[in-house]
Every structure is written in C-alpha cells, then in structure tokens.
Amino acid sequence: MPTIRMFYGIIVSMFFEIGEKHNPPHVHVRYQGMKASIAIDDGALLAGETPVRQLRMLQVWIDLHKDELLTAMF
C-alpha cells in the first residue's frame, strides 16, 4: 500500500482502486505503532486506534484534501 503523506510522525497510506470500488472510501494511518482506518467522506474512525490529537489533525487534513483523495481512489 503506497504512502501518500507523512507529517508529525503520522504515516497516511491508501489503496488505489482498479475495478471494484472500495466502500467506504478511507485512508490507512500508522502512528507510534497504532493503526487506524479513517473515512474520507466524514473523517470518522472506522477501525483501529489513534490518539485524539492526531485524529483531529488527520480529519482536518482529509477535509482539505478530500477531492484529491476521492479522485485518486477511482
């Protein structure tokens, strides 16, 4: 899974879809040994764990780049 961004120790990765769509669209996150999946459409934590502060930073980043992320997925 390719890394698409790294900031403040957070590594953001995403699968790029070919064919069948990935529902719901999300990114995978790693931070200090923790892993999580975060929805692109609303920033919801879908699975895993990450500290609240990092989750908030990720939600802001996802919101700023939502169109790019969704375009890259399909």
Protein backbone atom coordinates (compact mmCIF):
# COMPACT_ATOMS: atom_id res chain seq x y z
CA MET A 1 0.00 0.00 0.00
CA PRO A 2 1.66 3.26 -1.07
CA THR A 3 2.34 6.02 1.43
CA ILE A 4 0.70 9.23 0.26
CA ARG A 5 1.70 11.60 3.08
CA MET A 6 3.81 11.77 6.24
CA PHE A 7 3.52 14.55 8.83
CA TYR A 8 4.10 14.87 12.59
CA GLY A 9 5.03 11.19 12.79
CA ILE A 10 1.78 10.16 11.10
CA ILE A 11 2.00 7.93 8.01
CA VAL A 12 -1.02 8.01 5.67
CA SER A 13 -1.47 5.26 3.07
CA MET A 14 -4.19 4.40 0.60
CA PHE A 15 -5.08 1.65 -1.85
CA PHE A 16 -5.85 2.93 -5.34
CA GLU A 17 -8.89 1.20 -6.81
CA ILE A 18 -8.92 -0.58 -10.12
CA GLY A 19 -12.26 -2.13 -10.92
CA GLU A 20 -14.50 -2.72 -7.91
CA LYS A 21 -14.96 0.32 -5.66
CA HIS A 22 -13.77 0.38 -2.05
CA ASN A 23 -16.62 1.21 0.32
CA PRO A 24 -16.49 3.44 2.22
CA PRO A 25 -13.51 5.34 0.80
CA HIS A 26 -10.85 5.62 3.52
CA VAL A 27 -7.18 6.05 4.30
CA HIS A 28 -4.98 3.85 6.46
CA VAL A 29 -2.96 5.55 9.19
CA ARG A 30 0.02 4.47 11.29
CA TYR A 31 1.25 6.42 14.29
CA GLN A 32 3.62 5.15 17.01
CA GLY A 33 2.70 1.51 16.49
CA MET A 34 -1.04 2.20 16.27
CA LYS A 35 -3.06 1.59 13.12
CA ALA A 36 -6.40 3.04 12.05
CA SER A 37 -8.71 3.45 9.08
CA ILE A 38 -10.37 6.85 8.64
CA ALA A 39 -13.27 7.61 6.30
CA ILE A 40 -12.61 10.23 3.63
CA ASP A 41 -16.19 11.49 3.41
CA ASP A 42 -16.66 12.44 7.08
CA GLY A 43 -13.36 11.72 8.87
CA ALA A 44 -14.92 9.01 11.04
CA LEU A 45 -12.65 6.47 12.70
CA LEU A 46 -13.68 3.21 11.00
CA ALA A 47 -11.27 0.80 12.68
CA GLY A 48 -8.24 0.73 14.92
CA GLU A 49 -6.98 3.47 17.18
CA THR A 50 -5.03 6.72 17.13
CA PRO A 51 -4.69 9.45 19.77
CA VAL A 52 -7.41 12.12 19.71
CA ARG A 53 -4.96 14.91 18.82
CA GLN A 54 -3.63 13.01 15.79
CA LEU A 55 -7.15 12.02 14.76
CA ARG A 56 -8.19 15.70 14.73
CA MET A 57 -5.14 16.63 12.63
CA LEU A 58 -5.98 13.82 10.20
CA GLN A 59 -9.61 14.89 9.97
CA VAL A 60 -8.56 18.45 9.07
CA TRP A 61 -6.00 17.15 6.54
CA ILE A 62 -8.59 14.80 4.98
CA ASP A 63 -11.12 17.62 4.73
CA LEU A 64 -8.57 19.87 3.00
CA HIS A 65 -7.62 17.13 0.50
CA LYS A 66 -10.96 15.32 0.17
CA ASP A 67 -11.43 15.99 -3.56
CA GLU A 68 -7.88 14.85 -4.37
CA LEU A 69 -8.24 11.70 -2.26
CA LEU A 70 -11.55 10.72 -3.81
CA THR A 71 -10.27 11.40 -7.33
CA ALA A 72 -7.18 9.27 -6.69
CA MET A 73 -9.27 6.34 -5.49
CA PHE A 74 -11.29 5.85 -8.67
